[in-house]
């Protein structure tokens, strides 16, 4: 009983047509066959037409909209330039982003060339999803919390802005990141009608920094859904109390739902939020 549906294809789909094939390793996640290791590797990357190379995603959008029949809005999505660039350089998950930052600091011109390519491709990809029928867009910058505010401004902000500027006002947009308590003002500047907030900061404090002219989403720790329902609902009440019925809040988790989460806890949470919101 949620208020929207999301087409969740993998974040890395645009990398393969660029010349960066990857596979999924059990227990580890996606692994690139040939990660970027030098500026020369960046120059060899291909720019492609998403309507051709990623046509299967657009077909899925149209099929899903036929099934939804207007009952729910459908959210499309893609990865932000910084997160995609980090995957392309690290070759998979990273805790330190040492390779990414080494290239970023050591070869800033090459870094910006990479992110310009990514922002151009992802912008075209998102506009293609909108043309195929999605009702809103969510841009995932899952790893951007690894940056300081200064580094975000230099290495990520121009490319994220370019992405949101390309989408314009076609549909509502959501800008998601995690571990971003230190860069909320910068995320706002990056773009998006709604800014994601993880669980590491009180949501009212985050909203005051983001600005009243933007919506916010998130803030509940997804691991709460693994524990006793009473604690989950207690924390939910805390989020709703801090929001104090202000318009522009989308109740959501502060990050992705964990695979081991009991479905009944998700159902319970959605029903509880609807009920509590009506009471407020």
Protein backbone atom coordinates (compact mmCIF):
# COMPACT_ATOMS: atom_id res chain seq x y z
CA UNK A 1 0.00 0.00 0.00
CA UNK A 2 2.67 2.49 -1.06
CA UNK A 3 2.08 5.80 -2.82
CA UNK A 4 4.34 5.24 -5.84
CA UNK A 5 6.03 2.51 -7.83
CA UNK A 6 9.66 2.58 -8.97
CA UNK A 7 11.28 0.87 -11.92
CA UNK A 8 14.53 -0.31 -10.39
CA UNK A 9 16.90 -1.50 -13.06
CA UNK A 10 20.56 -1.54 -12.10
CA UNK A 11 22.43 1.70 -11.49
CA UNK A 12 25.30 0.64 -13.75
CA UNK A 13 23.34 -0.05 -16.94
CA UNK A 14 24.78 2.96 -18.81
CA UNK A 15 28.35 1.78 -18.25
CA UNK A 16 28.25 -1.27 -20.53
CA UNK A 17 27.37 0.60 -23.76
CA UNK A 18 30.20 3.02 -22.89
CA UNK A 19 32.67 0.11 -23.06
CA UNK A 20 32.71 -0.89 -19.39
CA UNK A 21 31.12 -4.36 -19.17
CA UNK A 22 30.33 -5.78 -15.74
CA UNK A 23 28.89 -8.86 -14.09
CA UNK A 24 27.30 -9.68 -10.74
CA UNK A 25 29.41 -11.73 -8.34
CA UNK A 26 27.44 -13.64 -5.73
CA UNK A 27 27.91 -12.09 -2.31
CA UNK A 28 29.89 -9.15 -3.70
CA UNK A 29 27.65 -7.30 -6.16
CA UNK A 30 28.63 -5.82 -9.53
CA UNK A 31 32.23 -6.12 -10.72
CA UNK A 32 33.60 -4.35 -13.79
CA UNK A 33 35.79 -6.38 -16.13
CA UNK A 34 38.13 -3.49 -16.99
CA UNK A 35 37.84 -0.55 -14.58
CA UNK A 36 39.14 2.86 -15.57
CA UNK A 37 42.78 3.19 -14.53
CA UNK A 38 44.12 6.16 -16.49
CA UNK A 39 43.06 9.26 -18.43
CA UNK A 40 43.59 7.30 -21.65
CA UNK A 41 40.87 4.85 -20.56
CA UNK A 42 38.46 7.76 -20.21
CA UNK A 43 39.18 9.00 -23.71
CA UNK A 44 38.32 5.55 -25.11
CA UNK A 45 34.81 5.54 -23.60
CA UNK A 46 31.94 5.63 -26.07
CA UNK A 47 29.03 8.09 -25.99
CA UNK A 48 25.81 6.33 -27.02
CA UNK A 49 22.12 6.95 -27.67
CA UNK A 50 20.13 5.61 -24.66
CA UNK A 51 16.97 5.16 -26.74
CA UNK A 52 18.83 2.50 -28.69
CA UNK A 53 21.30 0.88 -26.27
CA UNK A 54 18.90 0.95 -23.29
CA UNK A 55 15.67 0.50 -25.22
CA UNK A 56 14.69 -2.46 -23.02
CA UNK A 57 14.35 -0.13 -20.01
CA UNK A 58 12.06 2.18 -21.96
CA UNK A 59 9.99 -0.80 -23.08
CA UNK A 60 9.68 -1.79 -19.42
CA UNK A 61 8.47 1.71 -18.51
CA UNK A 62 5.68 1.50 -21.08
CA UNK A 63 4.72 -2.02 -19.99
CA UNK A 64 4.60 -1.04 -16.32
CA UNK A 65 2.49 2.02 -17.03
CA UNK A 66 0.05 -0.20 -18.93
CA UNK A 67 -0.22 -2.42 -15.84
CA UNK A 68 -0.52 0.47 -13.37
CA UNK A 69 -3.31 2.12 -15.39
CA UNK A 70 -2.90 5.39 -13.53
CA UNK A 71 -3.33 3.86 -10.06
CA UNK A 72 0.13 4.99 -8.93
CA UNK A 73 2.81 7.30 -10.28
CA UNK A 74 5.89 5.55 -11.65
CA UNK A 75 9.37 6.76 -10.66
CA UNK A 76 12.25 6.33 -13.09
CA UNK A 77 15.86 6.60 -11.98
CA UNK A 78 19.53 6.72 -12.83
CA UNK A 79 22.87 7.12 -11.09
CA UNK A 80 24.51 10.52 -10.61
CA UNK A 81 27.86 11.21 -12.32
CA UNK A 82 30.00 10.94 -9.16
CA UNK A 83 28.63 7.54 -8.14
CA UNK A 84 28.85 6.12 -11.67
CA UNK A 85 32.37 7.46 -12.08
CA UNK A 86 33.37 5.87 -8.77
CA UNK A 87 32.01 2.48 -9.82
CA UNK A 88 33.82 2.79 -13.15
CA UNK A 89 37.14 3.53 -11.44
CA UNK A 90 36.90 1.26 -8.39
CA UNK A 91 35.50 -1.65 -10.38
CA UNK A 92 32.98 -2.43 -7.63
CA UNK A 93 32.18 -1.53 -4.06
CA UNK A 94 34.71 0.50 -2.09
CA UNK A 95 35.07 1.65 1.51
CA UNK A 96 37.80 4.23 0.92
CA UNK A 97 37.35 5.38 -2.71
CA UNK A 98 41.13 5.59 -2.86
CA UNK A 99 41.32 4.91 -6.61
CA UNK A 100 38.53 7.37 -7.35
CA UNK A 101 40.07 10.17 -5.32
CA UNK A 102 43.55 9.43 -6.65
CA UNK A 103 42.36 10.00 -10.21
CA UNK A 104 40.14 12.90 -9.16
CA UNK A 105 42.93 14.77 -7.36
CA UNK A 106 45.78 13.67 -9.63
CA UNK A 107 44.06 14.18 -13.00
CA UNK A 108 41.24 16.68 -12.46
CA UNK A 109 40.89 17.48 -16.17
CA UNK A 110 40.41 13.78 -16.97
CA UNK A 111 37.96 13.45 -14.07
CA UNK A 112 35.83 16.27 -15.45
CA UNK A 113 35.93 14.77 -18.94
CA UNK A 114 34.61 11.51 -17.48
CA UNK A 115 31.83 13.20 -15.52
CA UNK A 116 30.85 15.34 -18.50
CA UNK A 117 30.40 12.19 -20.57
CA UNK A 118 28.39 10.56 -17.79
CA UNK A 119 26.17 13.57 -17.13
CA UNK A 120 25.39 13.92 -20.83
CA UNK A 121 24.49 10.24 -21.22
CA UNK A 122 22.48 10.05 -17.99
CA UNK A 123 20.57 13.23 -18.84
CA UNK A 124 19.58 11.76 -22.21
CA UNK A 125 18.67 8.48 -20.50
CA UNK A 126 16.40 10.22 -17.97
CA UNK A 127 14.70 12.36 -20.60
CA UNK A 128 14.09 9.16 -22.60
CA UNK A 129 12.47 7.60 -19.51
CA UNK A 130 10.25 10.67 -19.15
CA UNK A 131 9.27 10.47 -22.81
CA UNK A 132 8.46 6.76 -22.28
CA UNK A 133 6.04 7.69 -19.49
CA UNK A 134 7.61 7.90 -16.01
CA UNK A 135 5.90 10.42 -13.73
CA UNK A 136 8.94 11.41 -11.64
CA UNK A 137 12.72 10.91 -11.62
CA UNK A 138 15.05 9.94 -8.79
CA UNK A 139 18.79 10.54 -9.19
CA UNK A 140 20.88 8.25 -6.98
CA UNK A 141 24.22 9.59 -5.76
CA UNK A 142 24.69 6.70 -3.36
CA UNK A 143 28.42 7.25 -2.73
CA UNK A 144 28.63 11.03 -2.71
CA UNK A 145 28.83 11.09 1.09
CA UNK A 146 32.51 10.20 0.63
CA UNK A 147 33.16 13.81 -0.40
CA UNK A 148 33.70 16.91 1.71
CA UNK A 149 31.66 20.00 0.90
CA UNK A 150 34.70 21.57 -0.79
CA UNK A 151 35.37 18.52 -2.95
CA UNK A 152 31.68 18.17 -3.79
CA UNK A 153 31.62 21.72 -5.11
CA UNK A 154 34.69 21.19 -7.28
CA UNK A 155 34.27 17.64 -8.53
CA UNK A 156 30.55 16.73 -8.42
CA UNK A 157 28.32 19.80 -8.26
CA UNK A 158 28.75 21.09 -11.86
CA UNK A 159 27.92 17.68 -13.33
CA UNK A 160 24.92 17.05 -11.09
CA UNK A 161 23.57 20.52 -11.86
CA UNK A 162 23.93 19.82 -15.57
CA UNK A 163 21.88 16.65 -15.12
CA UNK A 164 18.99 18.34 -13.31
CA UNK A 165 19.09 21.32 -15.68
CA UNK A 166 18.64 18.93 -18.61
CA UNK A 167 15.53 17.41 -17.01
CA UNK A 168 14.16 20.87 -16.22
CA UNK A 169 10.54 20.98 -15.13
CA UNK A 170 9.32 18.05 -17.19
CA UNK A 171 8.50 15.97 -14.08
CA UNK A 172 9.18 16.22 -10.31
CA UNK A 173 12.73 15.23 -9.39
CA UNK A 174 14.25 13.59 -6.30
CA UNK A 175 17.96 13.89 -5.42
CA UNK A 176 19.09 10.98 -3.24
CA UNK A 177 22.32 10.46 -1.35
CA UNK A 178 23.43 8.82 1.87
CA UNK A 179 26.02 9.87 4.42
CA UNK A 180 25.37 13.42 3.22
CA UNK A 181 24.84 15.27 6.52
CA UNK A 182 27.91 17.43 5.81
CA UNK A 183 26.82 18.43 2.29
CA UNK A 184 23.03 18.98 2.44
CA UNK A 185 23.34 22.58 1.27
CA UNK A 186 25.49 21.45 -1.64
CA UNK A 187 23.00 18.71 -2.60
CA UNK A 188 20.25 21.32 -2.69
CA UNK A 189 22.39 23.43 -4.99
CA UNK A 190 23.00 20.36 -7.15
CA UNK A 191 19.29 20.24 -7.98
CA UNK A 192 16.07 18.36 -7.33
CA UNK A 193 12.61 19.29 -6.11
CA UNK A 194 13.04 16.82 -3.23
CA UNK A 195 16.27 16.10 -1.34
CA UNK A 196 16.88 12.72 0.33
CA UNK A 197 17.81 12.66 4.02
CA UNK A 198 19.34 9.59 5.66
CA UNK A 199 18.94 8.58 9.32
CA UNK A 200 22.11 10.21 10.66
CA UNK A 201 20.55 13.64 11.19
CA UNK A 202 17.15 14.75 12.58
CA UNK A 203 14.90 15.46 9.64
CA UNK A 204 13.75 18.87 10.85
CA UNK A 205 17.36 19.97 11.23
CA UNK A 206 18.14 18.67 7.74
CA UNK A 207 15.12 20.45 6.26
CA UNK A 208 16.10 23.78 7.80
CA UNK A 209 19.49 23.47 6.09
CA UNK A 210 18.03 22.33 2.77
CA UNK A 211 15.47 25.13 2.67
CA UNK A 212 11.70 25.36 2.96
CA UNK A 213 11.29 25.64 -0.82
CA UNK A 214 12.38 22.03 -1.32
CA UNK A 215 10.68 18.81 -0.29
CA UNK A 216 12.47 16.14 1.73
CA UNK A 217 12.23 12.37 1.80
CA UNK A 218 13.61 9.54 3.90
CA UNK A 219 15.12 9.57 7.41
CA UNK A 220 14.11 6.15 8.80
CA UNK A 221 17.00 3.72 9.34
CA UNK A 222 16.22 0.66 7.14
CA UNK A 223 17.64 -1.71 9.78
CA UNK A 224 14.71 -0.76 12.06
CA UNK A 225 12.53 -2.93 9.80
CA UNK A 226 14.58 -5.95 10.89
CA UNK A 227 13.85 -5.46 14.59
CA UNK A 228 10.77 -5.37 16.82
CA UNK A 229 7.84 -3.56 15.18
CA UNK A 230 7.26 -1.51 18.33
CA UNK A 231 10.68 0.15 18.01
CA UNK A 232 10.19 0.69 14.27
CA UNK A 233 6.89 2.47 14.87
CA UNK A 234 8.30 4.46 17.78
CA UNK A 235 11.04 5.83 15.51
CA UNK A 236 8.43 6.48 12.82
CA UNK A 237 6.46 8.60 15.29
CA UNK A 238 9.64 10.52 16.00
CA UNK A 239 10.11 11.38 12.32
CA UNK A 240 6.46 12.42 11.92
CA UNK A 241 6.59 14.54 15.08
CA UNK A 242 9.61 16.45 13.80
CA UNK A 243 7.89 17.05 10.47
CA UNK A 244 4.88 18.46 12.34
CA UNK A 245 2.57 18.00 9.34
CA UNK A 246 4.53 20.33 7.06
CA UNK A 247 3.66 19.77 3.40
CA UNK A 248 6.49 18.54 1.19
CA UNK A 249 7.65 15.51 3.21
CA UNK A 250 7.73 12.05 1.64
CA UNK A 251 8.04 9.43 4.36
CA UNK A 252 10.68 6.95 3.28
CA UNK A 253 13.69 4.98 4.41
CA UNK A 254 17.04 6.74 4.65
CA UNK A 255 18.57 4.18 2.28
CA UNK A 256 17.60 1.05 0.36
CA UNK A 257 15.52 -1.70 1.91
CA UNK A 258 17.63 -4.66 3.02
CA UNK A 259 17.06 -8.05 1.33
CA UNK A 260 16.31 -9.80 4.64
CA UNK A 261 13.52 -7.36 5.59
CA UNK A 262 10.21 -9.11 6.38
CA UNK A 263 7.60 -7.98 3.86
CA UNK A 264 5.00 -7.81 6.61
CA UNK A 265 7.09 -5.16 8.39
CA UNK A 266 7.07 -3.05 5.21
CA UNK A 267 3.31 -3.42 4.97
CA UNK A 268 2.89 -2.56 8.63
CA UNK A 269 5.04 0.54 8.26
CA UNK A 270 3.18 1.83 5.19
CA UNK A 271 -0.21 1.31 6.84
CA UNK A 272 0.98 2.96 10.05
CA UNK A 273 2.33 6.04 8.25
CA UNK A 274 -0.93 6.47 6.34
CA UNK A 275 -2.95 6.14 9.54
CA UNK A 276 -0.71 8.46 11.56
CA UNK A 277 -0.66 11.04 8.77
CA UNK A 278 -4.44 11.11 8.69
CA UNK A 279 -4.49 11.65 12.48
CA UNK A 280 -2.09 14.57 12.14
